[in-house]
Amino acid sequence: MGTYKQDRAAEDIKRELAAIIRELKDPRLSEHLISISRAEVSGDLSYVKAYVSAIEGIDVAKQATKALT
């Protein structure tokens, strides 16, 4: 568990990433229900690690991760 500032930044990043994913026109993403399940922010707020999940399972989540990178 991070500080209040880290937790708040992580929630803001999750919300923004979800909005960006909804707007993307990539068929690898738009055909599935993809969500950002968690975001971990570094202590100085310069790095974030986002975790992607999909209702359809791990294979779809891996495919979405490839599409996003």
Protein backbone atom coordinates (compact mmCIF):
# COMPACT_ATOMS: atom_id res chain seq x y z
CA MET A 1 0.00 0.00 0.00
CA GLY A 2 1.41 3.34 -1.05
CA THR A 3 0.92 6.80 0.25
CA TYR A 4 -2.29 8.69 -0.24
CA LYS A 5 -0.73 10.61 -3.14
CA GLN A 6 0.41 7.38 -4.86
CA ASP A 7 -3.00 5.76 -4.42
CA ARG A 8 -4.80 8.78 -5.78
CA ALA A 9 -2.46 9.00 -8.79
CA ALA A 10 -2.94 5.28 -9.45
CA GLU A 11 -6.73 5.66 -9.49
CA ASP A 12 -6.50 8.65 -11.83
CA ILE A 13 -4.21 6.71 -14.17
CA LYS A 14 -6.54 3.69 -14.17
CA ARG A 15 -9.47 5.92 -15.11
CA GLU A 16 -7.55 7.68 -17.90
CA LEU A 17 -6.14 4.45 -19.35
CA ALA A 18 -9.63 2.92 -19.41
CA ALA A 19 -10.92 5.97 -21.31
CA ILE A 20 -8.06 5.74 -23.81
CA ILE A 21 -8.66 2.03 -24.40
CA ARG A 22 -12.37 2.68 -25.07
CA GLU A 23 -11.45 5.24 -27.76
CA LEU A 24 -8.95 3.03 -29.60
CA LYS A 25 -10.14 1.56 -32.89
CA ASP A 26 -7.89 -1.52 -32.78
CA PRO A 27 -10.03 -4.65 -33.40
CA ARG A 28 -7.89 -6.63 -30.95
CA LEU A 29 -9.21 -4.34 -28.23
CA SER A 30 -12.66 -3.23 -29.36
CA GLU A 31 -14.03 -6.78 -29.76
CA HIS A 32 -13.42 -7.65 -26.09
CA LEU A 33 -14.19 -6.25 -22.67
CA ILE A 34 -10.77 -5.04 -21.48
CA SER A 35 -10.20 -3.30 -18.16
CA ILE A 36 -7.33 -1.94 -16.13
CA SER A 37 -7.48 -3.97 -12.95
CA ARG A 38 -4.67 -2.28 -11.03
CA ALA A 39 -2.03 0.42 -11.37
CA GLU A 40 1.10 0.64 -9.25
CA VAL A 41 2.84 4.01 -9.10
CA SER A 42 6.47 4.48 -8.07
CA GLY A 43 7.33 6.55 -5.02
CA ASP A 44 8.33 9.60 -7.06
CA LEU A 45 5.28 9.20 -9.37
CA SER A 46 7.49 8.88 -12.45
CA TYR A 47 6.64 5.27 -13.36
CA VAL A 48 3.47 3.22 -13.42
CA LYS A 49 2.81 -0.47 -13.92
CA ALA A 50 -0.71 -1.14 -15.19
CA TYR A 51 -2.37 -4.56 -15.02
CA VAL A 52 -4.82 -5.49 -17.78
CA SER A 53 -7.65 -7.99 -17.39
CA ALA A 54 -10.31 -9.37 -19.72
CA ILE A 55 -13.58 -11.11 -18.97
CA GLU A 56 -12.83 -13.64 -21.72
CA GLY A 57 -9.70 -14.89 -19.95
CA ILE A 58 -5.94 -14.72 -19.84
CA ASP A 59 -5.39 -15.32 -23.56
CA VAL A 60 -7.45 -12.27 -24.49
CA ALA A 61 -5.65 -10.21 -21.82
CA LYS A 62 -2.29 -11.23 -23.30
CA GLN A 63 -3.51 -10.32 -26.79
CA ALA A 64 -4.66 -6.92 -25.49
CA THR A 65 -1.30 -6.33 -23.84
CA LYS A 66 0.44 -6.99 -27.16
CA ALA A 67 -1.95 -4.59 -28.88
CA LEU A 68 -1.23 -1.87 -26.33
CA THR A 69 2.57 -2.09 -26.55
